[in-house]
Amino acid sequence: YQPKADLVTGKICGFEALLRWQHPDKGMVLPGDFIPMLEETGLIVQAGEWVFHTACVQIKAWQKAALKVPPISVNLSARQFEQKNLKGVVRRILRDTRVDPSLIEFEITESLLMNDPAGAARTLHDLKESGVRLSMDDFGTGYSSLGYLKRFPIDTLKIDRTFVRDITTDADDATLTRAIINLAQNLRLKVIAEGVETEDQLAFLRANGCDEMQGYLFAKPAGAEECERMLREGRKLKFPRAVRKEKSGAQSRRAHA
């Protein structure tokens, strides 16, 4: 699980569930080395359900430990998203684990949604009826249609790390990132930046009104026990001193909204 941090309070505001394979001989295997095979064989559907179920069980375990648990994001693969019974699977797991649906956020890639926008909109509305939250991952990297974007019941736009990486050195990436943030705000969507690794990137995102961040600057992906310790200790993101002293106009507007 990789923590996300609120860019106003610095507090942990969520986690993303990430899949890793602890191989008996090769050790830790990263998803890029085995997810394509799961996709190709169709096993990604069973693996995806297992990830979702495990995340729900973890939420209940943390709640049983008297912790205030933020939402957990779970990635949906193309194969899962195309399942005819996806809505039923989601509702069954939520019912069996007795997890509040608002504590689950499904991340769907932009390119996946644009393959069949009309069909994707129907599936998203079906999921939304279950009470879960929805996030568009890797926003800006595909061939999105802003006309379709308003039809998707999305709660969050996630700025891809390819833009975040160079926002302080590349004027085009900075402009695109500001545009995504402004678009999200105008559509009343939350916006989160991934892959944040430097204080300069953090300062830029805060100054331009980004809501949340995720990246090594705050925390690397960690096991459930370490994440529980973060929650119990109230771990917070440290802001650069110059940014902490002054709020951007965008942040001030959010604070008084």
Protein backbone atom coordinates (compact mmCIF):
# COMPACT_ATOMS: atom_id res chain seq x y z
CA TYR A 1 0.00 0.00 0.00
CA GLN A 2 1.35 3.44 -0.92
CA PRO A 3 0.06 6.36 1.16
CA LYS A 4 -1.37 9.53 -0.34
CA ALA A 5 -1.06 12.87 1.44
CA ASP A 6 -3.41 15.85 1.56
CA LEU A 7 -1.64 18.95 0.26
CA VAL A 8 -3.34 21.28 2.74
CA THR A 9 -3.10 19.31 5.98
CA GLY A 10 -0.22 16.96 5.13
CA LYS A 11 -2.18 14.05 6.63
CA ILE A 12 -2.56 10.62 5.06
CA CYS A 13 -5.76 10.78 3.02
CA GLY A 14 -5.67 7.41 1.30
CA PHE A 15 -3.68 4.41 0.10
CA GLU A 16 -3.24 2.74 -3.26
CA ALA A 17 -3.18 -1.05 -3.20
CA LEU A 18 -0.24 -2.23 -5.31
CA LEU A 19 0.45 -5.80 -6.39
CA ARG A 20 3.87 -7.38 -5.77
CA TRP A 21 4.98 -11.00 -6.16
CA GLN A 22 7.29 -12.45 -3.52
CA HIS A 23 8.93 -15.22 -5.55
CA PRO A 24 10.65 -18.02 -3.57
CA ASP A 25 13.79 -17.84 -5.74
CA LYS A 26 13.74 -14.46 -7.50
CA GLY A 27 12.63 -12.45 -4.47
CA MET A 28 10.43 -9.40 -5.02
CA VAL A 29 9.06 -9.29 -8.57
CA LEU A 30 7.64 -5.98 -9.77
CA PRO A 31 4.27 -5.85 -11.56
CA GLY A 32 5.77 -4.94 -14.93
CA ASP A 33 7.37 -8.38 -15.00
CA PHE A 34 4.25 -10.45 -14.36
CA ILE A 35 1.09 -8.37 -14.89
CA PRO A 36 1.33 -8.68 -18.73
CA MET A 37 1.26 -12.47 -18.38
CA LEU A 38 -1.75 -12.28 -16.07
CA GLU A 39 -3.47 -10.07 -18.64
CA GLU A 40 -2.60 -12.41 -21.51
CA THR A 41 -3.85 -15.54 -19.76
CA GLY A 42 -6.93 -13.92 -18.26
CA LEU A 43 -5.76 -14.67 -14.71
CA ILE A 44 -5.80 -10.91 -14.09
CA VAL A 45 -9.54 -11.21 -13.40
CA GLN A 46 -9.04 -13.60 -10.47
CA ALA A 47 -5.97 -11.68 -9.31
CA GLY A 48 -7.88 -8.41 -9.47
CA GLU A 49 -10.75 -9.80 -7.41
CA TRP A 50 -8.23 -11.09 -4.86
CA VAL A 51 -6.62 -7.64 -4.60
CA PHE A 52 -10.00 -5.97 -4.11
CA HIS A 53 -11.10 -8.53 -1.51
CA THR A 54 -7.75 -8.29 0.33
CA ALA A 55 -7.99 -4.49 0.44
CA CYS A 56 -11.49 -4.75 1.93
CA VAL A 57 -10.31 -7.25 4.54
CA GLN A 58 -7.42 -4.91 5.41
CA ILE A 59 -9.81 -2.00 5.90
CA LYS A 60 -11.82 -4.04 8.39
CA ALA A 61 -8.64 -5.15 10.21
CA TRP A 62 -7.49 -1.55 10.61
CA GLN A 63 -10.94 -0.49 11.79
CA LYS A 64 -10.93 -3.34 14.32
CA ALA A 65 -7.61 -1.93 15.56
CA ALA A 66 -9.46 1.33 16.29
CA LEU A 67 -7.84 3.25 13.44
CA LYS A 68 -9.54 5.89 11.31
CA VAL A 69 -9.08 4.37 7.87
CA PRO A 70 -8.88 6.53 4.71
CA PRO A 71 -10.07 5.22 1.33
CA ILE A 72 -8.02 2.58 -0.49
CA SER A 73 -7.61 2.76 -4.26
CA VAL A 74 -7.70 -0.45 -6.29
CA ASN A 75 -6.70 -0.61 -9.95
CA LEU A 76 -9.13 -2.18 -12.41
CA SER A 77 -7.57 -3.93 -15.41
CA ALA A 78 -9.08 -3.87 -18.88
CA ARG A 79 -10.18 -7.50 -18.53
CA GLN A 80 -11.93 -6.78 -15.23
CA PHE A 81 -13.57 -3.65 -16.56
CA GLU A 82 -15.01 -5.61 -19.48
CA GLN A 83 -16.54 -8.29 -17.21
CA LYS A 84 -20.29 -8.54 -17.68
CA ASN A 85 -20.73 -9.33 -13.98
CA LEU A 86 -18.31 -6.68 -12.63
CA LYS A 87 -21.05 -4.82 -10.78
CA GLY A 88 -22.21 -8.06 -9.13
CA VAL A 89 -18.67 -9.03 -8.13
CA VAL A 90 -18.06 -5.63 -6.52
CA ARG A 91 -21.32 -5.71 -4.60
CA ARG A 92 -20.75 -9.27 -3.42
CA ILE A 93 -17.30 -8.52 -2.03
CA LEU A 94 -18.50 -5.32 -0.36
CA ARG A 95 -21.40 -7.24 1.18
CA ASP A 96 -19.27 -10.18 2.33
CA THR A 97 -16.59 -7.99 3.93
CA ARG A 98 -19.08 -5.40 5.23
CA VAL A 99 -16.91 -2.53 4.07
CA ASP A 100 -18.32 0.96 3.60
CA PRO A 101 -18.24 1.45 -0.21
CA SER A 102 -17.05 5.04 0.22
CA LEU A 103 -13.73 3.64 1.49
CA ILE A 104 -13.04 2.05 -1.92
CA GLU A 105 -11.87 3.93 -4.99
CA PHE A 106 -11.39 2.17 -8.32
CA GLU A 107 -8.69 3.54 -10.61
CA ILE A 108 -9.33 3.16 -14.33
CA THR A 109 -6.86 4.28 -16.98
CA GLU A 110 -7.86 6.99 -19.40
CA SER A 111 -7.04 4.88 -22.47
CA LEU A 112 -9.27 2.06 -21.20
CA LEU A 113 -12.23 4.43 -20.90
CA MET A 114 -11.71 5.90 -24.36
CA ASN A 115 -11.72 2.51 -26.15
CA ASP A 116 -15.51 2.48 -25.86
CA PRO A 117 -16.65 5.72 -24.17
CA ALA A 118 -20.36 4.91 -24.27
CA GLY A 119 -19.89 1.42 -22.84
CA ALA A 120 -17.40 2.73 -20.28
CA ALA A 121 -19.90 5.34 -19.12
CA ARG A 122 -22.51 2.63 -18.49
CA THR A 123 -20.05 0.48 -16.54
CA LEU A 124 -18.89 3.45 -14.48
CA HIS A 125 -22.47 4.40 -13.61
CA ASP A 126 -23.10 0.78 -12.56
CA LEU A 127 -20.06 0.90 -10.26
CA LYS A 128 -21.06 4.31 -8.94
CA GLU A 129 -24.42 2.88 -7.88
CA SER A 130 -22.49 0.55 -5.57
CA GLY A 131 -21.30 3.57 -3.61
CA VAL A 132 -17.60 3.36 -4.54
CA ARG A 133 -15.46 6.27 -5.72
CA LEU A 134 -13.93 6.41 -9.21
CA SER A 135 -10.61 7.82 -10.37
CA MET A 136 -9.25 8.37 -13.89
CA ASP A 137 -5.62 7.28 -13.80
CA ASP A 138 -2.81 8.59 -16.05
CA PHE A 139 -4.95 11.53 -17.11
CA GLY A 140 -3.54 13.44 -20.07
CA THR A 141 -1.51 10.59 -21.53
CA GLY A 142 -4.21 9.15 -23.78
CA TYR A 143 -6.56 10.55 -26.38
CA SER A 144 -9.30 11.79 -24.14
CA SER A 145 -12.39 13.63 -25.31
CA LEU A 146 -13.45 16.39 -22.96
CA GLY A 147 -16.97 15.94 -24.29
CA TYR A 148 -17.04 12.40 -22.94
CA LEU A 149 -15.31 13.36 -19.71
CA LYS A 150 -18.42 15.13 -18.44
CA ARG A 151 -20.41 11.89 -19.00
CA PHE A 152 -18.14 9.82 -16.79
CA PRO A 153 -19.14 9.85 -13.07
CA ILE A 154 -15.51 10.37 -12.06
CA ASP A 155 -14.55 11.70 -8.62
CA THR A 156 -10.81 12.14 -9.16
CA LEU A 157 -8.32 12.94 -11.90
CA LYS A 158 -4.82 11.56 -11.38
CA ILE A 159 -1.95 13.49 -12.99
CA ASP A 160 0.50 11.07 -14.54
CA ARG A 161 4.06 10.94 -13.24
CA THR A 162 5.40 11.74 -16.73
CA PHE A 163 4.08 15.30 -16.31
CA VAL A 164 5.03 15.61 -12.64
CA ARG A 165 8.63 14.52 -13.23
CA ASP A 166 9.58 17.68 -15.15
CA ILE A 167 7.08 20.29 -13.95
CA THR A 168 9.83 22.44 -12.46
CA THR A 169 12.12 22.27 -15.51
CA ASP A 170 9.85 21.87 -18.54
CA ALA A 171 7.48 24.76 -19.31
CA ASP A 172 5.15 22.54 -21.35
CA ASP A 173 4.75 19.98 -18.56
CA ALA A 174 4.13 22.80 -16.09
CA THR A 175 1.45 24.29 -18.34
CA LEU A 176 -0.25 20.93 -18.88
CA THR A 177 -0.24 20.19 -15.15
CA ARG A 178 -1.81 23.58 -14.36
CA ALA A 179 -4.43 22.96 -17.05
CA ILE A 180 -5.35 19.55 -15.58
CA ILE A 181 -5.64 21.04 -12.09
CA ASN A 182 -7.83 23.89 -13.36
CA LEU A 183 -9.98 21.47 -15.36
CA ALA A 184 -10.51 19.27 -12.30
CA GLN A 185 -11.43 22.26 -10.13
CA ASN A 186 -13.91 23.58 -12.68
CA LEU A 187 -15.53 20.15 -12.93
CA ARG A 188 -15.58 19.89 -9.11
CA LEU A 189 -13.24 16.88 -9.20
CA LYS A 190 -10.43 16.06 -6.82
CA VAL A 191 -6.98 16.04 -8.40
CA ILE A 192 -3.98 14.02 -7.25
CA ALA A 193 -0.43 14.01 -8.57
CA GLU A 194 1.57 10.78 -8.61
CA GLY A 195 5.30 10.26 -8.72
CA VAL A 196 6.16 13.29 -6.55
CA GLU A 197 9.80 12.93 -5.55
CA THR A 198 11.18 16.42 -4.85
CA GLU A 199 10.30 19.40 -2.69
CA ASP A 200 10.26 21.65 -5.78
CA GLN A 201 7.58 19.45 -7.36
CA LEU A 202 5.61 19.55 -4.11
CA ALA A 203 5.88 23.34 -3.92
CA PHE A 204 4.65 23.70 -7.51
CA LEU A 205 1.65 21.42 -6.92
CA ARG A 206 0.63 23.19 -3.72
CA ALA A 207 1.03 26.63 -5.28
CA ASN A 208 -1.28 25.59 -8.12
CA GLY A 209 -4.03 24.09 -5.96
CA CYS A 210 -3.49 20.33 -6.38
CA ASP A 211 -5.45 18.43 -3.72
CA GLU A 212 -3.31 15.37 -3.00
CA MET A 213 0.04 13.77 -3.78
CA GLN A 214 1.53 10.31 -3.95
CA GLY A 215 5.20 9.51 -4.31
CA TYR A 216 8.53 8.69 -2.75
CA LEU A 217 8.89 12.20 -1.27
CA PHE A 218 6.25 11.15 1.25
CA ALA A 219 6.41 7.36 1.33
CA LYS A 220 7.28 4.32 -0.72
CA PRO A 221 4.83 1.40 -0.98
CA ALA A 222 4.84 -0.47 2.32
CA GLY A 223 3.33 -3.54 3.93
CA ALA A 224 0.13 -3.42 5.98
CA GLU A 225 1.97 -3.38 9.32
CA GLU A 226 4.08 -0.37 8.41
CA CYS A 227 1.04 1.46 7.02
CA GLU A 228 -0.82 0.73 10.25
CA ARG A 229 2.08 2.28 12.15
CA MET A 230 1.88 5.38 9.92
CA LEU A 231 -1.82 5.74 10.70
CA ARG A 232 -1.34 5.17 14.41
CA GLU A 233 1.50 7.70 14.63
CA GLY A 234 -0.36 10.25 12.51
CA ARG A 235 2.39 10.53 9.93
CA LYS A 236 2.27 13.80 7.97
CA LEU A 237 3.90 15.19 4.87
CA LYS A 238 6.47 17.89 5.64
CA PHE A 239 6.00 21.01 3.58
CA PRO A 240 8.88 23.21 2.39
CA ARG A 241 9.13 26.13 4.77
CA ALA A 242 8.60 28.84 2.14
CA VAL A 243 5.37 27.18 0.95
CA ARG A 244 4.11 26.57 4.48
CA LYS A 245 4.12 30.28 5.25
CA GLU A 246 1.88 31.32 2.41
CA LYS A 247 -1.22 29.85 0.89
CA SER A 248 -1.78 30.09 -2.82
CA GLY A 249 -4.94 31.74 -4.05
CA ALA A 250 -6.24 28.33 -5.14
CA GLN A 251 -5.70 26.86 -1.66
CA SER A 252 -7.34 29.86 -0.02
CA ARG A 253 -10.40 29.40 -2.21
CA ARG A 254 -10.56 25.71 -1.26
CA ALA A 255 -10.20 26.52 2.42
CA HIS A 256 -13.17 28.91 2.34
CA ALA A 257 -15.34 26.87 0.01
